[in-house]
C-alpha atoms as a PDB file:
ATOM      1  CA  MET A   1       0.000   0.000   0.000  1.00  0.00           C
ATOM      2  CA  THR A   2       1.327   3.433  -0.883  1.00  0.00           C
ATOM      3  CA  GLU A   3       1.870   6.103   1.744  1.00  0.00           C
ATOM      4  CA  ALA A   4      -1.122   8.042   0.404  1.00  0.00           C
ATOM      5  CA  GLY A   5      -3.256   4.899   0.511  1.00  0.00           C
ATOM      6  CA  ALA A   6      -2.143   4.181   4.073  1.00  0.00           C
ATOM      7  CA  SER A   7      -3.108   7.677   5.239  1.00  0.00           C
ATOM      8  CA  ARG A   8      -6.484   7.345   3.524  1.00  0.00           C
ATOM      9  CA  ALA A   9      -7.233   4.066   5.253  1.00  0.00           C
ATOM     10  CA  ALA A  10      -6.431   5.702   8.584  1.00  0.00           C
ATOM     11  CA  TRP A  11      -9.241   8.324   8.375  1.00  0.00           C
ATOM     12  CA  THR A  12     -11.420   8.104  11.474  1.00  0.00           C
ATOM     13  CA  ASP A  13     -14.329   9.873  13.150  1.00  0.00           C
ATOM     14  CA  ALA A  14     -11.727  11.783  15.182  1.00  0.00           C
ATOM     15  CA  ASP A  15     -10.206  12.974  11.893  1.00  0.00           C
ATOM     16  CA  THR A  16     -13.630  14.194  10.785  1.00  0.00           C
ATOM     17  CA  GLU A  17     -14.025  16.107  14.067  1.00  0.00           C
ATOM     18  CA  ALA A  18     -10.545  17.579  13.554  1.00  0.00           C
ATOM     19  CA  LEU A  19     -11.617  18.671  10.050  1.00  0.00           C
ATOM     20  CA  PHE A  20     -14.645  20.457  11.532  1.00  0.00           C
ATOM     21  CA  ALA A  21     -12.346  22.209  14.007  1.00  0.00           C
ATOM     22  CA  ALA A  22      -9.884  23.177  11.253  1.00  0.00           C
ATOM     23  CA  LEU A  23     -12.663  24.625   9.085  1.00  0.00           C
ATOM     24  CA  GLY A  24     -14.004  26.576  12.060  1.00  0.00           C
ATOM     25  CA  ARG A  25     -10.550  27.962  12.841  1.00  0.00           C
ATOM     26  CA  TYR A  26     -10.116  28.926   9.201  1.00  0.00           C
ATOM     27  CA  VAL A  27     -13.406  30.847   9.128  1.00  0.00           C
ATOM     28  CA  ILE A  28     -12.592  32.658  12.380  1.00  0.00           C
ATOM     29  CA  VAL A  29      -9.134  33.738  11.164  1.00  0.00           C
ATOM     30  CA  PHE A  30     -10.519  34.815   7.780  1.00  0.00           C
ATOM     31  CA  GLN A  31     -13.215  36.890   9.481  1.00  0.00           C
ATOM     32  CA  TRP A  32     -10.568  38.446  11.735  1.00  0.00           C
ATOM     33  CA  ILE A  33      -8.640  39.476   8.599  1.00  0.00           C
ATOM     34  CA  GLU A  34     -11.805  41.026   7.192  1.00  0.00           C
ATOM     35  CA  GLY A  35     -12.234  42.912  10.474  1.00  0.00           C
ATOM     36  CA  VAL A  36      -8.740  44.379  10.085  1.00  0.00           C
ATOM     37  CA  LEU A  37      -9.629  45.481   6.547  1.00  0.00           C
ATOM     38  CA  ASP A  38     -12.689  47.179   8.052  1.00  0.00           C
ATOM     39  CA  GLN A  39     -10.444  48.956  10.574  1.00  0.00           C
ATOM     40  CA  ILE A  40      -8.180  50.233   7.784  1.00  0.00           C
ATOM     41  CA  LEU A  41     -11.173  51.585   5.886  1.00  0.00           C
ATOM     42  CA  LEU A  42     -12.675  53.152   9.013  1.00  0.00           C
ATOM     43  CA  LEU A  43      -9.362  54.915   9.645  1.00  0.00           C
ATOM     44  CA  ALA A  44      -9.172  56.145   6.057  1.00  0.00           C
ATOM     45  CA  TRP A  45     -12.775  57.308   5.965  1.00  0.00           C
ATOM     46  CA  GLY A  46     -12.371  59.240   9.216  1.00  0.00           C
ATOM     47  CA  HIS A  47     -13.562  58.622  12.730  1.00  0.00           C
ATOM     48  CA  GLU A  48     -16.046  61.459  12.413  1.00  0.00           C
ATOM     49  CA  ASN A  49     -17.837  59.356   9.759  1.00  0.00           C
ATOM     50  CA  TRP A  50     -17.963  56.186  11.858  1.00  0.00           C
ATOM     51  CA  GLY A  51     -21.735  55.592  11.581  1.00  0.00           C
ATOM     52  CA  SER A  52     -22.012  56.087   7.846  1.00  0.00           C
ATOM     53  CA  SER A  53     -18.772  54.133   7.333  1.00  0.00           C
ATOM     54  CA  GLN A  54     -20.175  51.179   9.293  1.00  0.00           C
ATOM     55  CA  ALA A  55     -23.309  51.256   7.135  1.00  0.00           C
ATOM     56  CA  LYS A  56     -21.150  51.318   4.000  1.00  0.00           C
ATOM     57  CA  LEU A  57     -19.001  48.408   5.242  1.00  0.00           C
ATOM     58  CA  ALA A  58     -22.093  46.331   6.001  1.00  0.00           C
ATOM     59  CA  LYS A  59     -23.086  46.484   2.327  1.00  0.00           C
ATOM     60  CA  MET A  60     -19.654  45.599   0.942  1.00  0.00           C
ATOM     61  CA  LYS A  61     -18.499  42.149  -0.138  1.00  0.00           C
ATOM     62  CA  ASN A  62     -15.008  41.016   0.797  1.00  0.00           C
ATOM     63  CA  LYS A  63     -13.706  41.654  -2.737  1.00  0.00           C
ATOM     64  CA  GLN A  64     -14.982  45.233  -2.557  1.00  0.00           C
ATOM     65  CA  LYS A  65     -13.289  45.755   0.815  1.00  0.00           C
ATOM     66  CA  VAL A  66      -9.947  44.439  -0.442  1.00  0.00           C
ATOM     67  CA  ASP A  67     -10.174  46.642  -3.544  1.00  0.00           C
ATOM     68  CA  ALA A  68     -11.192  49.659  -1.429  1.00  0.00           C
ATOM     69  CA  VAL A  69      -8.233  49.146   0.925  1.00  0.00           C
ATOM     70  CA  LYS A  70      -5.870  48.942  -2.037  1.00  0.00           C
ATOM     71  CA  LYS A  71      -7.294  52.096  -3.588  1.00  0.00           C
ATOM     72  CA  VAL A  72      -7.362  54.187  -0.416  1.00  0.00           C
ATOM     73  CA  VAL A  73      -3.848  53.203   0.663  1.00  0.00           C
ATOM     74  CA  LEU A  74      -2.231  53.728  -2.737  1.00  0.00           C
ATOM     75  CA  LYS A  75      -4.155  56.868  -3.728  1.00  0.00           C
ATOM     76  CA  SER A  76      -5.034  58.782  -0.558  1.00  0.00           C
ATOM     77  CA  SER A  77      -2.860  61.628   0.620  1.00  0.00           C
ATOM     78  CA  ASP A  78      -3.729  60.496   4.153  1.00  0.00           C
ATOM     79  CA  PHE A  79      -1.225  57.675   3.601  1.00  0.00           C
ATOM     80  CA  ALA A  80       1.383  59.803   1.801  1.00  0.00           C
ATOM     81  CA  ARG A  81       4.200  58.501   4.006  1.00  0.00           C
ATOM     82  CA  VAL A  82       3.791  54.946   2.699  1.00  0.00           C
ATOM     83  CA  HIS A  83       4.017  56.291  -0.853  1.00  0.00           C
ATOM     84  CA  THR A  84       7.614  57.341  -0.146  1.00  0.00           C
ATOM     85  CA  ARG A  85       8.601  53.661   0.291  1.00  0.00           C
ATOM     86  CA  PRO A  86       8.148  51.860  -3.054  1.00  0.00           C
ATOM     87  CA  GLU A  87       9.288  48.538  -1.566  1.00  0.00           C
ATOM     88  CA  TRP A  88       6.541  48.787   1.083  1.00  0.00           C
ATOM     89  CA  CYS A  89       3.965  49.579  -1.605  1.00  0.00           C
ATOM     90  CA  ALA A  90       5.113  46.585  -3.664  1.00  0.00           C
ATOM     91  CA  HIS A  91       4.794  44.343  -0.599  1.00  0.00           C
ATOM     92  CA  PHE A  92       1.362  45.846   0.127  1.00  0.00           C
ATOM     93  CA  VAL A  93       0.193  45.023  -3.417  1.00  0.00           C
ATOM     94  CA  SER A  94       1.479  41.442  -3.035  1.00  0.00           C
ATOM     95  CA  VAL A  95      -0.546  41.071   0.176  1.00  0.00           C
ATOM     96  CA  ILE A  96      -3.623  42.451  -1.630  1.00  0.00           C
ATOM     97  CA  GLU A  97      -3.129  39.784  -4.315  1.00  0.00           C
ATOM     98  CA  ARG A  98      -2.856  37.113  -1.602  1.00  0.00           C
ATOM     99  CA  LEU A  99      -6.057  38.440  -0.020  1.00  0.00           C
ATOM    100  CA  HIS A 100      -7.877  37.934  -3.327  1.00  0.00           C
ATOM    101  CA  ALA A 101      -6.471  34.407  -3.658  1.00  0.00           C
ATOM    102  CA  GLU A 102      -7.489  33.629  -0.068  1.00  0.00           C
ATOM    103  CA  ARG A 103     -10.951  35.002  -0.782  1.00  0.00           C
ATOM    104  CA  MET A 104     -11.302  32.460  -3.575  1.00  0.00           C
ATOM    105  CA  LEU A 105     -10.249  29.647  -1.225  1.00  0.00           C
ATOM    106  CA  ARG A 106     -12.664  30.939   1.431  1.00  0.00           C
ATOM    107  CA  ASN A 107     -15.458  30.891  -1.140  1.00  0.00           C
ATOM    108  CA  ALA A 108     -14.578  27.307  -2.045  1.00  0.00           C
ATOM    109  CA  ILE A 109     -14.538  26.296   1.625  1.00  0.00           C
ATOM    110  CA  MET A 110     -17.833  28.038   2.390  1.00  0.00           C
ATOM    111  CA  HIS A 111     -19.778  27.146  -0.759  1.00  0.00           C
ATOM    112  CA  SER A 112     -18.674  23.601  -1.503  1.00  0.00           C
ATOM    113  CA  GLN A 113     -20.078  20.249  -0.637  1.00  0.00           C
ATOM    114  CA  TYR A 114     -18.137  17.956   1.675  1.00  0.00           C
ATOM    115  CA  LEU A 115     -18.388  14.311   0.704  1.00  0.00           C
ATOM    116  CA  PHE A 116     -18.393  12.704   4.146  1.00  0.00           C
ATOM    117  CA  GLN A 117     -19.788   9.456   2.818  1.00  0.00           C
ATOM    118  CA  LEU A 118     -16.205   8.659   1.771  1.00  0.00           C
ATOM    119  CA  ALA A 119     -15.118   8.904   5.417  1.00  0.00           C
ATOM    120  CA  ASP A 120     -17.126   5.729   6.107  1.00  0.00           C
ATOM    121  CA  ALA A 121     -14.761   3.981   3.703  1.00  0.00           C
ATOM    122  CA  GLY A 122     -11.707   5.367   5.530  1.00  0.00           C
ATOM    123  CA  LEU A 123     -11.092   8.184   3.044  1.00  0.00           C
ATOM    124  CA  SER A 124     -10.771  11.869   3.854  1.00  0.00           C
ATOM    125  CA  ALA A 125     -13.786  13.992   2.965  1.00  0.00           C
ATOM    126  CA  PRO A 126     -13.077  15.940  -0.218  1.00  0.00           C
ATOM    127  CA  LEU A 127     -14.435  19.394  -0.749  1.00  0.00           C
ATOM    128  CA  SER A 128     -16.343  19.414  -4.029  1.00  0.00           C
ATOM    129  CA  SER A 129     -17.091  22.664  -5.806  1.00  0.00           C
ATOM    130  CA  ASN A 130     -19.160  22.200  -8.923  1.00  0.00           C
ATOM    131  CA  ARG A 131     -21.749  24.964  -8.648  1.00  0.00           C
ATOM    132  CA  ARG A 132     -19.531  28.012  -8.410  1.00  0.00           C
ATOM    133  CA  MET A 133     -18.320  30.079 -11.304  1.00  0.00           C
ATOM    134  CA  LEU A 134     -14.743  31.163 -10.815  1.00  0.00           C
ATOM    135  CA  GLU A 135     -13.794  34.710 -11.717  1.00  0.00           C
ATOM    136  CA  GLY A 136     -12.096  35.355 -15.005  1.00  0.00           C
ATOM    137  CA  LEU A 137     -13.409  32.231 -16.733  1.00  0.00           C
ATOM    138  CA  GLU A 138     -16.062  33.999 -18.816  1.00  0.00           C
ATOM    139  CA  GLY A 139     -19.005  32.333 -17.114  1.00  0.00           C
ATOM    140  CA  LYS A 140     -17.764  28.770 -17.528  1.00  0.00           C
ATOM    141  CA  ALA A 141     -18.611  26.344 -14.744  1.00  0.00           C
ATOM    142  CA  VAL A 142     -15.596  24.825 -13.079  1.00  0.00           C
ATOM    143  CA  PHE A 143     -15.575  21.547 -11.222  1.00  0.00           C
ATOM    144  CA  ASP A 144     -12.952  21.354  -8.518  1.00  0.00           C
ATOM    145  CA  GLN A 145     -12.210  18.856  -5.800  1.00  0.00           C
ATOM    146  CA  GLN A 146      -9.661  19.062  -3.029  1.00  0.00           C
ATOM    147  CA  GLU A 147      -8.826  16.249  -0.693  1.00  0.00           C
ATOM    148  CA  LEU A 148      -8.804  17.703   2.793  1.00  0.00           C
ATOM    149  CA  THR A 149      -6.129  15.501   4.262  1.00  0.00           C
ATOM    150  CA  LYS A 150      -4.586  16.330   7.620  1.00  0.00           C
ATOM    151  CA  GLU A 151      -1.626  17.804   5.730  1.00  0.00           C
ATOM    152  CA  ARG A 152      -3.868  19.986   3.536  1.00  0.00           C
ATOM    153  CA  GLN A 153      -5.765  21.225   6.596  1.00  0.00           C
ATOM    154  CA  THR A 154      -2.472  22.171   8.249  1.00  0.00           C
ATOM    155  CA  GLU A 155      -1.355  23.951   5.075  1.00  0.00           C
ATOM    156  CA  ILE A 156      -4.617  25.912   4.774  1.00  0.00           C
ATOM    157  CA  LEU A 157      -4.457  27.022   8.418  1.00  0.00           C
ATOM    158  CA  ARG A 158      -0.760  27.913   8.197  1.00  0.00           C
ATOM    159  CA  ASP A 159      -1.315  30.012   5.069  1.00  0.00           C
ATOM    160  CA  VAL A 160      -4.309  31.940   6.447  1.00  0.00           C
ATOM    161  CA  ALA A 161      -2.471  32.521   9.745  1.00  0.00           C
ATOM    162  CA  GLN A 162       0.552  33.893   7.872  1.00  0.00           C
ATOM    163  CA  LEU A 163      -1.730  36.151   5.855  1.00  0.00           C
ATOM    164  CA  ALA A 164      -3.375  37.369   9.084  1.00  0.00           C
ATOM    165  CA  ILE A 165       0.054  38.288  10.459  1.00  0.00           C
ATOM    166  CA  GLU A 166       0.927  40.159   7.240  1.00  0.00           C
ATOM    167  CA  VAL A 167      -2.384  42.058   7.243  1.00  0.00           C
ATOM    168  CA  ASN A 168      -1.879  42.965  10.897  1.00  0.00           C
ATOM    169  CA  PHE A 169       1.622  44.321  10.135  1.00  0.00           C
ATOM    170  CA  LEU A 170       0.178  46.392   7.286  1.00  0.00           C
ATOM    171  CA  HIS A 171      -2.510  47.759   9.571  1.00  0.00           C
ATOM    172  CA  VAL A 172       0.004  48.744  12.252  1.00  0.00           C
ATOM    173  CA  GLN A 173       2.151  50.498   9.635  1.00  0.00           C
ATOM    174  CA  LEU A 174      -0.852  52.300   8.184  1.00  0.00           C
ATOM    175  CA  VAL A 175      -1.952  53.517  11.622  1.00  0.00           C
ATOM    176  CA  HIS A 176       1.600  54.763  12.203  1.00  0.00           C
ATOM    177  CA  ASP A 177       1.780  56.534   8.832  1.00  0.00           C
ATOM    178  CA  TYR A 178      -1.766  57.906   8.743  1.00  0.00           C
ATOM    179  CA  ARG A 179      -2.082  61.674   8.529  1.00  0.00           C
ATOM    180  CA  ALA A 180      -5.627  62.863   9.021  1.00  0.00           C
ATOM    181  CA  PRO A 181      -6.743  65.862   6.993  1.00  0.00           C
ATOM    182  CA  ILE A 182      -6.495  69.071   8.968  1.00  0.00           C
ATOM    183  CA  GLN A 183      -9.871  70.049  10.321  1.00  0.00           C
ATOM    184  CA  PRO A 184     -10.568  73.723  10.960  1.00  0.00           C
ATOM    185  CA  VAL A 185     -10.819  74.503  14.670  1.00  0.00           C
ATOM    186  CA  SER A 186     -14.083  76.077  15.722  1.00  0.00           C
ATOM    187  CA  PRO A 187     -13.786  79.294  17.766  1.00  0.00           C
END
């Protein structure tokens, strides 16, 4: 029996429970990242606009938030200090690209079917995405399956955790570099 076959035969109910826990952790970390994106946008839109900004955020999809963060950071004079560091801006853009890639994985995780009937046969439960249209494919349906082995679960969690750390570092830098527009002082 191959190594892959041996690991498949070893799938147990405890492995299924661990998969549930891994998926839950993934969702929580992804939502935390989205919360940090919200904080960046709230900072950029001004604390005096908190209520209307919250209403705006509530209507935005994750893709819109990522795109809005990219636009406000790279175009706003409020973040002019970051514009003086091209290497930081290049890194920022690479994190934005990773956020979009992670969004696609999150969509697959959230909108796929999990074939747990295979777990009864000792196989890991694959995630099966056959109803979603992937962006950039001109409306063509794409069928995708991923085997959610213990190793793949670890990889998914490691990658989203690393992205969370990167987004947090960006946020800290943006708070440090933020320069609010000067507001006239009332007499």
